N, C-alpha and C. Protein backbone atom coordinates (compact mmCIF):
# COMPACT_ATOMS: atom_id res chain seq x y z
N MET A 1 19.99 -129.05 -156.77
CA MET A 1 21.15 -129.65 -156.13
C MET A 1 21.35 -129.01 -154.76
N GLU A 2 21.52 -129.85 -153.79
CA GLU A 2 21.75 -129.38 -152.44
C GLU A 2 23.20 -128.93 -152.29
N ILE A 3 23.39 -127.82 -151.58
CA ILE A 3 24.74 -127.29 -151.37
C ILE A 3 25.20 -127.69 -149.98
N ASN A 4 26.33 -128.39 -149.92
CA ASN A 4 26.88 -128.86 -148.65
C ASN A 4 28.31 -128.37 -148.48
N GLU A 5 28.73 -128.28 -147.24
CA GLU A 5 30.13 -127.97 -146.95
C GLU A 5 31.01 -129.09 -147.48
N SER A 6 32.18 -128.75 -147.92
CA SER A 6 33.14 -129.77 -148.35
C SER A 6 33.72 -130.47 -147.12
N SER A 7 34.19 -131.69 -147.34
CA SER A 7 34.82 -132.45 -146.25
C SER A 7 36.15 -131.81 -145.87
N GLU A 8 36.62 -132.14 -144.69
CA GLU A 8 37.93 -131.63 -144.24
C GLU A 8 39.03 -132.09 -145.20
N TYR A 9 38.86 -133.29 -145.73
CA TYR A 9 39.83 -133.82 -146.69
C TYR A 9 39.90 -132.94 -147.94
N ALA A 10 38.74 -132.62 -148.53
CA ALA A 10 38.71 -131.80 -149.75
C ALA A 10 39.31 -130.42 -149.48
N LYS A 11 39.01 -129.84 -148.33
CA LYS A 11 39.56 -128.53 -147.98
C LYS A 11 41.08 -128.59 -147.82
N ALA A 12 41.55 -129.62 -147.11
CA ALA A 12 43.00 -129.75 -146.88
C ALA A 12 43.73 -130.02 -148.20
N ARG A 13 43.15 -130.85 -149.04
CA ARG A 13 43.77 -131.16 -150.34
C ARG A 13 43.84 -129.90 -151.20
N ALA A 14 42.80 -129.09 -151.18
CA ALA A 14 42.81 -127.84 -151.94
C ALA A 14 43.94 -126.93 -151.49
N LEU A 15 44.18 -126.85 -150.19
CA LEU A 15 45.28 -126.02 -149.69
C LEU A 15 46.64 -126.54 -150.17
N LEU A 16 46.83 -127.85 -150.11
CA LEU A 16 48.09 -128.43 -150.57
C LEU A 16 48.28 -128.23 -152.08
N LEU A 17 47.21 -128.41 -152.83
CA LEU A 17 47.29 -128.22 -154.28
C LEU A 17 47.52 -126.76 -154.64
N ALA A 18 46.95 -125.85 -153.85
CA ALA A 18 47.14 -124.41 -154.10
C ALA A 18 48.62 -124.06 -154.06
N GLU A 19 49.30 -124.58 -153.06
CA GLU A 19 50.74 -124.31 -152.95
C GLU A 19 51.50 -124.95 -154.12
N TYR A 20 51.18 -126.19 -154.42
CA TYR A 20 51.87 -126.90 -155.49
C TYR A 20 51.64 -126.24 -156.86
N PHE A 21 50.39 -125.95 -157.18
CA PHE A 21 50.07 -125.40 -158.50
C PHE A 21 50.39 -123.91 -158.63
N SER A 22 50.71 -123.26 -157.55
CA SER A 22 51.11 -121.84 -157.64
C SER A 22 52.36 -121.70 -158.50
N GLN A 23 53.19 -122.75 -158.56
CA GLN A 23 54.38 -122.75 -159.41
C GLN A 23 54.02 -122.60 -160.88
N ARG A 24 52.83 -123.07 -161.24
CA ARG A 24 52.35 -122.98 -162.63
C ARG A 24 51.54 -121.70 -162.85
N GLY A 25 51.30 -120.96 -161.77
CA GLY A 25 50.46 -119.78 -161.87
C GLY A 25 48.98 -120.11 -161.80
N TRP A 26 48.63 -121.31 -161.33
CA TRP A 26 47.23 -121.71 -161.21
C TRP A 26 46.73 -121.36 -159.81
N LEU A 27 45.51 -120.89 -159.70
CA LEU A 27 44.88 -120.57 -158.43
C LEU A 27 43.94 -121.70 -158.07
N VAL A 28 44.10 -122.24 -156.88
CA VAL A 28 43.28 -123.38 -156.44
C VAL A 28 42.58 -123.01 -155.15
N THR A 29 41.30 -123.34 -155.07
CA THR A 29 40.53 -123.09 -153.85
C THR A 29 39.49 -124.19 -153.67
N ALA A 30 39.05 -124.37 -152.44
CA ALA A 30 38.00 -125.35 -152.14
C ALA A 30 36.65 -124.71 -152.36
N GLY A 31 35.76 -125.43 -153.00
CA GLY A 31 34.39 -124.97 -153.18
C GLY A 31 33.47 -125.77 -152.28
N LYS A 32 32.22 -125.74 -152.54
CA LYS A 32 31.22 -126.53 -151.81
C LYS A 32 31.11 -127.91 -152.45
N ASN A 33 30.43 -128.83 -151.76
CA ASN A 33 30.15 -130.17 -152.27
C ASN A 33 31.39 -130.94 -152.71
N ASN A 34 32.49 -130.80 -151.97
CA ASN A 34 33.75 -131.50 -152.25
C ASN A 34 34.30 -131.18 -153.64
N CYS A 35 34.15 -129.95 -154.05
CA CYS A 35 34.73 -129.48 -155.31
C CYS A 35 36.02 -128.72 -155.02
N ILE A 36 37.00 -128.96 -155.86
CA ILE A 36 38.23 -128.16 -155.85
C ILE A 36 38.25 -127.40 -157.15
N LEU A 37 38.28 -126.07 -157.04
CA LEU A 37 38.22 -125.19 -158.20
C LEU A 37 39.63 -124.77 -158.58
N ILE A 38 39.94 -124.93 -159.85
CA ILE A 38 41.28 -124.61 -160.36
C ILE A 38 41.13 -123.57 -161.47
N TYR A 39 41.68 -122.38 -161.20
CA TYR A 39 41.59 -121.27 -162.15
C TYR A 39 42.93 -121.10 -162.85
N VAL A 40 42.88 -121.15 -164.16
CA VAL A 40 44.10 -121.04 -164.97
C VAL A 40 44.00 -119.75 -165.79
N GLN A 41 45.02 -118.91 -165.69
CA GLN A 41 45.03 -117.65 -166.44
C GLN A 41 46.10 -117.64 -167.52
N ASN A 42 47.24 -118.23 -167.22
CA ASN A 42 48.42 -118.01 -168.04
C ASN A 42 48.83 -119.19 -168.92
N GLU A 43 48.01 -120.22 -168.96
CA GLU A 43 48.37 -121.43 -169.71
C GLU A 43 47.16 -121.84 -170.53
N GLU A 44 47.36 -122.22 -171.74
CA GLU A 44 46.25 -122.61 -172.63
C GLU A 44 45.76 -124.02 -172.28
N ILE A 45 44.86 -124.12 -171.29
CA ILE A 45 44.39 -125.46 -170.92
C ILE A 45 43.43 -126.04 -171.95
N TYR A 46 42.96 -125.24 -172.88
CA TYR A 46 42.12 -125.79 -173.95
C TYR A 46 42.89 -126.80 -174.78
N ASN A 47 44.21 -126.79 -174.67
CA ASN A 47 45.03 -127.78 -175.37
C ASN A 47 45.11 -129.11 -174.61
N PHE A 48 44.62 -129.13 -173.35
CA PHE A 48 44.65 -130.34 -172.54
C PHE A 48 43.32 -131.08 -172.65
N THR A 49 43.40 -132.39 -172.82
CA THR A 49 42.21 -133.22 -172.77
C THR A 49 41.86 -133.49 -171.31
N GLU A 50 40.68 -134.04 -171.08
CA GLU A 50 40.29 -134.40 -169.73
C GLU A 50 41.28 -135.41 -169.14
N ASP A 51 41.71 -136.37 -169.94
CA ASP A 51 42.69 -137.36 -169.46
C ASP A 51 44.00 -136.71 -169.06
N GLN A 52 44.45 -135.72 -169.83
CA GLN A 52 45.69 -135.03 -169.49
C GLN A 52 45.55 -134.23 -168.19
N LEU A 53 44.39 -133.61 -168.00
CA LEU A 53 44.16 -132.88 -166.75
C LEU A 53 44.13 -133.84 -165.56
N MET A 54 43.50 -135.00 -165.75
CA MET A 54 43.48 -136.02 -164.69
C MET A 54 44.90 -136.47 -164.35
N GLU A 55 45.72 -136.64 -165.38
CA GLU A 55 47.10 -137.06 -165.18
C GLU A 55 47.88 -136.00 -164.38
N ILE A 56 47.63 -134.73 -164.65
CA ILE A 56 48.29 -133.66 -163.90
C ILE A 56 47.89 -133.73 -162.43
N ILE A 57 46.61 -133.98 -162.17
CA ILE A 57 46.15 -134.10 -160.77
C ILE A 57 46.80 -135.32 -160.12
N CYS A 58 46.83 -136.45 -160.82
CA CYS A 58 47.45 -137.67 -160.27
C CYS A 58 48.93 -137.46 -159.99
N GLU A 59 49.63 -136.80 -160.89
CA GLU A 59 51.06 -136.55 -160.69
C GLU A 59 51.32 -135.65 -159.49
N SER A 60 50.36 -134.80 -159.15
CA SER A 60 50.55 -133.91 -158.00
C SER A 60 50.69 -134.72 -156.71
N ASP A 61 50.11 -135.91 -156.67
CA ASP A 61 50.22 -136.76 -155.47
C ASP A 61 51.67 -137.09 -155.13
N TRP A 62 52.54 -137.09 -156.12
CA TRP A 62 53.96 -137.38 -155.86
C TRP A 62 54.68 -136.19 -155.26
N HIS A 63 54.04 -135.03 -155.27
CA HIS A 63 54.71 -133.80 -154.84
C HIS A 63 54.10 -133.13 -153.62
N ILE A 64 52.95 -133.63 -153.16
CA ILE A 64 52.34 -133.05 -151.97
C ILE A 64 52.20 -134.13 -150.90
N ALA A 65 52.15 -133.69 -149.68
CA ALA A 65 52.02 -134.63 -148.54
C ALA A 65 50.59 -135.14 -148.44
N GLY A 66 50.44 -136.32 -147.87
CA GLY A 66 49.11 -136.83 -147.57
C GLY A 66 48.50 -136.01 -146.43
N THR A 67 47.19 -135.93 -146.41
CA THR A 67 46.53 -135.13 -145.37
C THR A 67 46.36 -135.91 -144.07
N GLY A 68 46.36 -137.25 -144.16
CA GLY A 68 46.11 -138.07 -142.99
C GLY A 68 44.63 -138.16 -142.64
N LEU A 69 43.78 -137.53 -143.43
CA LEU A 69 42.35 -137.49 -143.16
C LEU A 69 41.60 -138.59 -143.91
N LYS A 70 40.39 -138.87 -143.43
CA LYS A 70 39.53 -139.82 -144.14
C LYS A 70 39.19 -139.22 -145.50
N THR A 71 39.34 -140.02 -146.55
CA THR A 71 39.14 -139.52 -147.90
C THR A 71 37.65 -139.47 -148.27
N SER A 72 37.39 -138.75 -149.33
CA SER A 72 36.05 -138.65 -149.89
C SER A 72 36.20 -138.36 -151.38
N PRO A 73 35.19 -138.66 -152.18
CA PRO A 73 35.26 -138.32 -153.59
C PRO A 73 35.42 -136.80 -153.75
N VAL A 74 36.22 -136.39 -154.73
CA VAL A 74 36.46 -134.96 -154.97
C VAL A 74 36.20 -134.68 -156.45
N THR A 75 35.51 -133.59 -156.72
CA THR A 75 35.30 -133.13 -158.09
C THR A 75 36.25 -131.98 -158.36
N TYR A 76 37.05 -132.13 -159.39
CA TYR A 76 37.98 -131.08 -159.81
C TYR A 76 37.32 -130.31 -160.94
N MET A 77 37.23 -128.99 -160.79
CA MET A 77 36.61 -128.15 -161.79
C MET A 77 37.64 -127.16 -162.31
N PHE A 78 37.89 -127.19 -163.61
CA PHE A 78 38.88 -126.32 -164.23
C PHE A 78 38.19 -125.14 -164.93
N TYR A 79 38.75 -123.97 -164.68
CA TYR A 79 38.26 -122.74 -165.31
C TYR A 79 39.43 -122.09 -166.04
N TYR A 80 39.15 -121.58 -167.21
CA TYR A 80 40.18 -120.87 -167.97
C TYR A 80 39.72 -119.42 -168.16
N ARG A 81 40.47 -118.51 -167.55
CA ARG A 81 40.16 -117.08 -167.61
C ARG A 81 38.70 -116.80 -167.28
N GLY A 82 38.22 -117.45 -166.23
CA GLY A 82 36.87 -117.20 -165.73
C GLY A 82 35.78 -118.03 -166.37
N GLU A 83 36.08 -118.79 -167.39
CA GLU A 83 35.07 -119.61 -168.04
C GLU A 83 35.28 -121.08 -167.69
N PHE A 84 34.18 -121.75 -167.38
CA PHE A 84 34.27 -123.18 -167.06
C PHE A 84 34.80 -123.95 -168.26
N TYR A 85 35.72 -124.89 -167.98
CA TYR A 85 36.29 -125.71 -169.06
C TYR A 85 35.89 -127.18 -168.91
N LYS A 86 36.36 -127.83 -167.85
CA LYS A 86 36.08 -129.26 -167.66
C LYS A 86 35.99 -129.58 -166.17
N LYS A 87 35.32 -130.69 -165.88
CA LYS A 87 35.31 -131.20 -164.51
C LYS A 87 35.33 -132.72 -164.55
N PHE A 88 35.87 -133.29 -163.49
CA PHE A 88 35.85 -134.74 -163.35
C PHE A 88 35.92 -135.08 -161.87
N GLU A 89 35.38 -136.24 -161.54
CA GLU A 89 35.36 -136.70 -160.15
C GLU A 89 36.42 -137.78 -159.96
N VAL A 90 37.11 -137.69 -158.84
CA VAL A 90 38.11 -138.69 -158.50
C VAL A 90 37.63 -139.41 -157.24
N LEU A 91 37.49 -140.71 -157.38
CA LEU A 91 37.12 -141.54 -156.23
C LEU A 91 38.37 -142.01 -155.53
N SER A 92 38.30 -142.13 -154.26
CA SER A 92 39.47 -142.49 -153.49
C SER A 92 39.73 -143.99 -153.53
N SER A 93 41.00 -144.33 -153.52
CA SER A 93 41.37 -145.75 -153.57
C SER A 93 41.68 -146.30 -152.18
N SER A 94 41.68 -145.43 -151.19
CA SER A 94 41.92 -145.90 -149.82
C SER A 94 41.04 -145.09 -148.87
N GLU A 95 40.88 -145.62 -147.68
CA GLU A 95 40.00 -144.95 -146.71
C GLU A 95 40.63 -143.67 -146.16
N TYR A 96 41.94 -143.68 -145.97
CA TYR A 96 42.64 -142.51 -145.43
C TYR A 96 43.72 -142.04 -146.40
N ASP A 97 43.96 -140.75 -146.41
CA ASP A 97 44.94 -140.13 -147.30
C ASP A 97 46.31 -140.16 -146.62
N ILE A 98 46.91 -141.34 -146.61
CA ILE A 98 48.22 -141.52 -145.99
C ILE A 98 49.10 -142.24 -147.00
N TYR A 99 50.17 -141.58 -147.38
CA TYR A 99 51.15 -142.22 -148.26
C TYR A 99 52.49 -141.55 -148.07
N ASP A 100 53.51 -142.24 -148.46
CA ASP A 100 54.87 -141.74 -148.29
C ASP A 100 55.45 -141.48 -149.67
N ASN A 101 55.88 -140.25 -149.90
CA ASN A 101 56.42 -139.87 -151.21
C ASN A 101 57.91 -140.13 -151.34
N ASP A 102 58.52 -140.68 -150.33
CA ASP A 102 59.98 -140.91 -150.38
C ASP A 102 60.32 -142.11 -151.21
């Protein structure tokens, strides 16, 4: 697998999610190849299904600002106490990440 820099969109989204998920004690960072890495220490994510984790990511859109950048597919990778748990890819529904949460 070729290793590529993440898009500006994936990097910006990771920063916004890091601030939002810090309330839950989750650590979020941008990885390579448009991956957003989510590290969970204090919550039993093994109780969450992949669908529930996707729902949590989707709900975050109501609480963070749009980046205004051209979108790209993003892979979310969840880790629990340093061990890989689940990953899923989210394809974008629009060309640019612009929406109003009001």
